[in-house]
Amino acid sequence: MTFSVPVVVRGYELDTQGHLNQAVYLQYAEHARWELLRAAGLGQEKLIESGVGPVVLETNIKYLRELRGGDEVTISCEFAWTEGKIFRMRQQIRKLDGTVSAEVAVVGGLLDLAERKLVADPGERFRALAERPDLLGL
């Protein structure tokens, strides 16, 4: 299942060339991931109380088209579950006309906050904690 959130590019996020600063793409992707978890019933407080927290292990961004102030975009998130301690997520930052501005590939895990180690099966833990595991592709 693909989840998405809308964002409007704000003027203070622009660089000297007048387009979206490259670091802000990471912030948009992070915002969308947290909104997905929240929609699934996995807000930060619940995760902390459960003794776990999602961590990003690797991020790759492919910039395709510039974004400028006032552009309206959606940021999508789609889990790709794998075996073991990691999961993958595909994200797109897309203008309302359908133009893909960036593709973001994330490798993540679920950290046991007490042991400071990755949970052996993050999908199973998310499934057990989530109110809407279907939003997570589970």
C-alpha atoms as a PDB file:
ATOM      1  CA  MET A   1       0.000   0.000   0.000  1.00  0.00           C
ATOM      2  CA  THR A   2       1.288   3.479  -0.853  1.00  0.00           C
ATOM      3  CA  PHE A   3       0.735   6.263   1.672  1.00  0.00           C
ATOM      4  CA  SER A   4       1.282   9.948   0.885  1.00  0.00           C
ATOM      5  CA  VAL A   5       1.191  13.360   2.525  1.00  0.00           C
ATOM      6  CA  PRO A   6       0.905  16.810   0.943  1.00  0.00           C
ATOM      7  CA  VAL A   7       3.469  19.577   1.433  1.00  0.00           C
ATOM      8  CA  VAL A   8       3.774  23.093   0.004  1.00  0.00           C
ATOM      9  CA  VAL A   9       7.344  24.259  -0.635  1.00  0.00           C
ATOM     10  CA  ARG A  10       8.028  27.238   1.618  1.00  0.00           C
ATOM     11  CA  GLY A  11      10.204  30.198   0.712  1.00  0.00           C
ATOM     12  CA  TYR A  12      12.647  29.709   3.574  1.00  0.00           C
ATOM     13  CA  GLU A  13      13.448  26.208   2.259  1.00  0.00           C
ATOM     14  CA  LEU A  14      14.939  27.548  -0.970  1.00  0.00           C
ATOM     15  CA  ASP A  15      18.626  27.855  -1.796  1.00  0.00           C
ATOM     16  CA  THR A  16      20.398  30.721  -3.572  1.00  0.00           C
ATOM     17  CA  GLN A  17      19.290  29.388  -6.988  1.00  0.00           C
ATOM     18  CA  GLY A  18      15.657  29.699  -5.911  1.00  0.00           C
ATOM     19  CA  HIS A  19      14.911  25.994  -5.746  1.00  0.00           C
ATOM     20  CA  LEU A  20      14.365  23.623  -2.853  1.00  0.00           C
ATOM     21  CA  ASN A  21      17.561  23.068  -0.866  1.00  0.00           C
ATOM     22  CA  GLN A  22      18.798  19.513  -1.264  1.00  0.00           C
ATOM     23  CA  ALA A  23      18.741  18.825   2.500  1.00  0.00           C
ATOM     24  CA  VAL A  24      15.036  19.660   2.693  1.00  0.00           C
ATOM     25  CA  TYR A  25      14.213  16.674   0.492  1.00  0.00           C
ATOM     26  CA  LEU A  26      15.464  14.517   3.384  1.00  0.00           C
ATOM     27  CA  GLN A  27      13.229  16.422   5.802  1.00  0.00           C
ATOM     28  CA  TYR A  28      10.193  15.934   3.557  1.00  0.00           C
ATOM     29  CA  ALA A  29      10.905  12.197   3.315  1.00  0.00           C
ATOM     30  CA  GLU A  30      11.332  11.944   7.093  1.00  0.00           C
ATOM     31  CA  HIS A  31       8.112  13.894   7.682  1.00  0.00           C
ATOM     32  CA  ALA A  32       6.174  11.525   5.416  1.00  0.00           C
ATOM     33  CA  ARG A  33       7.590   8.442   7.159  1.00  0.00           C
ATOM     34  CA  TRP A  34       6.545   9.744  10.576  1.00  0.00           C
ATOM     35  CA  GLU A  35       3.094  10.650   9.264  1.00  0.00           C
ATOM     36  CA  LEU A  36       2.735   7.111   7.917  1.00  0.00           C
ATOM     37  CA  LEU A  37       3.689   5.626  11.284  1.00  0.00           C
ATOM     38  CA  ARG A  38       1.308   8.003  13.065  1.00  0.00           C
ATOM     39  CA  ALA A  39      -1.558   7.079  10.708  1.00  0.00           C
ATOM     40  CA  ALA A  40      -0.861   3.401  11.428  1.00  0.00           C
ATOM     41  CA  GLY A  41      -1.188   4.101  15.168  1.00  0.00           C
ATOM     42  CA  LEU A  42       2.543   4.198  15.842  1.00  0.00           C
ATOM     43  CA  GLY A  43       3.213   7.707  17.074  1.00  0.00           C
ATOM     44  CA  GLN A  44       6.526   8.525  18.716  1.00  0.00           C
ATOM     45  CA  GLU A  45       5.162   8.238  22.264  1.00  0.00           C
ATOM     46  CA  LYS A  46       3.730   4.771  21.642  1.00  0.00           C
ATOM     47  CA  LEU A  47       6.961   3.555  20.078  1.00  0.00           C
ATOM     48  CA  ILE A  48       9.060   4.908  22.954  1.00  0.00           C
ATOM     49  CA  GLU A  49       6.707   3.383  25.521  1.00  0.00           C
ATOM     50  CA  SER A  50       7.071   0.073  23.645  1.00  0.00           C
ATOM     51  CA  GLY A  51      10.848   0.329  23.876  1.00  0.00           C
ATOM     52  CA  VAL A  52      11.540   0.625  20.147  1.00  0.00           C
ATOM     53  CA  GLY A  53      12.226   3.305  17.571  1.00  0.00           C
ATOM     54  CA  PRO A  54      12.707   3.309  13.813  1.00  0.00           C
ATOM     55  CA  VAL A  55      16.188   4.140  12.543  1.00  0.00           C
ATOM     56  CA  VAL A  56      17.463   5.054   9.101  1.00  0.00           C
ATOM     57  CA  LEU A  57      20.526   3.057   8.121  1.00  0.00           C
ATOM     58  CA  GLU A  58      20.943   4.308   4.558  1.00  0.00           C
ATOM     59  CA  THR A  59      19.298   6.875   2.294  1.00  0.00           C
ATOM     60  CA  ASN A  60      19.736   7.434  -1.422  1.00  0.00           C
ATOM     61  CA  ILE A  61      18.116  10.395  -3.183  1.00  0.00           C
ATOM     62  CA  LYS A  62      17.808  10.736  -6.929  1.00  0.00           C
ATOM     63  CA  TYR A  63      16.980  14.347  -7.826  1.00  0.00           C
ATOM     64  CA  LEU A  64      14.953  14.528 -11.037  1.00  0.00           C
ATOM     65  CA  ARG A  65      13.229  17.929 -11.285  1.00  0.00           C
ATOM     66  CA  GLU A  66      13.616  21.099  -9.271  1.00  0.00           C
ATOM     67  CA  LEU A  67      11.015  22.378  -6.854  1.00  0.00           C
ATOM     68  CA  ARG A  68      10.370  26.067  -6.326  1.00  0.00           C
ATOM     69  CA  GLY A  69       8.568  28.100  -3.683  1.00  0.00           C
ATOM     70  CA  GLY A  70       4.818  27.513  -3.669  1.00  0.00           C
ATOM     71  CA  ASP A  71       5.015  24.168  -5.492  1.00  0.00           C
ATOM     72  CA  GLU A  72       2.554  21.679  -4.073  1.00  0.00           C
ATOM     73  CA  VAL A  73       3.859  18.143  -3.761  1.00  0.00           C
ATOM     74  CA  THR A  74       2.952  14.797  -2.286  1.00  0.00           C
ATOM     75  CA  ILE A  75       5.502  12.583  -0.612  1.00  0.00           C
ATOM     76  CA  SER A  76       4.729   8.896  -0.868  1.00  0.00           C
ATOM     77  CA  CYS A  77       5.957   6.013   1.276  1.00  0.00           C
ATOM     78  CA  GLU A  78       5.833   2.340   0.487  1.00  0.00           C
ATOM     79  CA  PHE A  79       7.447  -0.386   2.579  1.00  0.00           C
ATOM     80  CA  ALA A  80       9.286  -3.259   0.911  1.00  0.00           C
ATOM     81  CA  TRP A  81       9.662  -5.895   3.601  1.00  0.00           C
ATOM     82  CA  THR A  82      12.670  -8.194   3.557  1.00  0.00           C
ATOM     83  CA  GLU A  83      13.955 -11.015   5.738  1.00  0.00           C
ATOM     84  CA  GLY A  84      16.056 -10.176   8.761  1.00  0.00           C
ATOM     85  CA  LYS A  85      16.617  -7.008  10.734  1.00  0.00           C
ATOM     86  CA  ILE A  86      16.113  -4.419   7.992  1.00  0.00           C
ATOM     87  CA  PHE A  87      13.312  -3.133   5.826  1.00  0.00           C
ATOM     88  CA  ARG A  88      13.303  -0.962   2.740  1.00  0.00           C
ATOM     89  CA  MET A  89      11.094   1.931   1.833  1.00  0.00           C
ATOM     90  CA  ARG A  90      10.520   3.609  -1.501  1.00  0.00           C
ATOM     91  CA  GLN A  91       9.431   7.234  -1.551  1.00  0.00           C
ATOM     92  CA  GLN A  92       8.624   9.732  -4.269  1.00  0.00           C
ATOM     93  CA  ILE A  93       8.275  13.484  -4.095  1.00  0.00           C
ATOM     94  CA  ARG A  94       5.803  14.294  -6.835  1.00  0.00           C
ATOM     95  CA  LYS A  95       4.268  17.548  -8.082  1.00  0.00           C
ATOM     96  CA  LEU A  96       0.499  17.684  -8.452  1.00  0.00           C
ATOM     97  CA  ASP A  97       0.863  17.444 -12.250  1.00  0.00           C
ATOM     98  CA  GLY A  98       2.491  14.027 -11.773  1.00  0.00           C
ATOM     99  CA  THR A  99       6.098  15.113 -12.322  1.00  0.00           C
ATOM    100  CA  VAL A 100       8.430  13.144 -10.053  1.00  0.00           C
ATOM    101  CA  SER A 101      10.899  15.590  -8.492  1.00  0.00           C
ATOM    102  CA  ALA A 102      12.850  13.053  -6.452  1.00  0.00           C
ATOM    103  CA  GLU A 103      13.026   9.369  -5.622  1.00  0.00           C
ATOM    104  CA  VAL A 104      14.178   8.356  -2.162  1.00  0.00           C
ATOM    105  CA  ALA A 105      15.301   4.843  -1.247  1.00  0.00           C
ATOM    106  CA  VAL A 106      15.646   4.096   2.466  1.00  0.00           C
ATOM    107  CA  VAL A 107      17.056   1.144   4.364  1.00  0.00           C
ATOM    108  CA  GLY A 108      15.779   1.108   7.914  1.00  0.00           C
ATOM    109  CA  GLY A 109      15.506  -0.953  11.036  1.00  0.00           C
ATOM    110  CA  LEU A 110      13.734  -0.959  14.352  1.00  0.00           C
ATOM    111  CA  LEU A 111      16.010  -0.250  17.303  1.00  0.00           C
ATOM    112  CA  ASP A 112      15.475  -1.863  20.701  1.00  0.00           C
ATOM    113  CA  LEU A 113      15.976   1.233  22.854  1.00  0.00           C
ATOM    114  CA  ALA A 114      17.205  -0.693  25.911  1.00  0.00           C
ATOM    115  CA  GLU A 115      19.634  -3.051  24.169  1.00  0.00           C
ATOM    116  CA  ARG A 116      20.621  -0.560  21.437  1.00  0.00           C
ATOM    117  CA  LYS A 117      20.403  -3.338  18.852  1.00  0.00           C
ATOM    118  CA  LEU A 118      18.127  -3.867  15.883  1.00  0.00           C
ATOM    119  CA  VAL A 119      14.987  -5.928  16.482  1.00  0.00           C
ATOM    120  CA  ALA A 120      15.285  -9.328  14.756  1.00  0.00           C
ATOM    121  CA  ASP A 121      11.946  -9.040  12.883  1.00  0.00           C
ATOM    122  CA  PRO A 122      10.836  -5.403  12.569  1.00  0.00           C
ATOM    123  CA  GLY A 123       7.776  -6.278  10.490  1.00  0.00           C
ATOM    124  CA  GLU A 124       6.421  -8.594  13.158  1.00  0.00           C
ATOM    125  CA  ARG A 125       7.002  -5.998  15.900  1.00  0.00           C
ATOM    126  CA  PHE A 126       5.327  -3.266  13.850  1.00  0.00           C
ATOM    127  CA  ARG A 127       2.396  -5.608  13.123  1.00  0.00           C
ATOM    128  CA  ALA A 128       1.956  -6.328  16.850  1.00  0.00           C
ATOM    129  CA  LEU A 129       2.024  -2.628  17.808  1.00  0.00           C
ATOM    130  CA  ALA A 130       0.145  -0.995  14.921  1.00  0.00           C
ATOM    131  CA  GLU A 131      -3.558  -0.203  14.874  1.00  0.00           C
ATOM    132  CA  ARG A 132      -3.435  -0.179  11.053  1.00  0.00           C
ATOM    133  CA  PRO A 133      -0.687  -2.594   9.951  1.00  0.00           C
ATOM    134  CA  ASP A 134      -2.170  -2.543   6.438  1.00  0.00           C
ATOM    135  CA  LEU A 135      -0.788   0.986   6.002  1.00  0.00           C
ATOM    136  CA  LEU A 136       2.656  -0.533   6.576  1.00  0.00           C
ATOM    137  CA  GLY A 137       2.128  -3.232   3.989  1.00  0.00           C
ATOM    138  CA  LEU A 138       1.704  -5.870   6.715  1.00  0.00           C
END
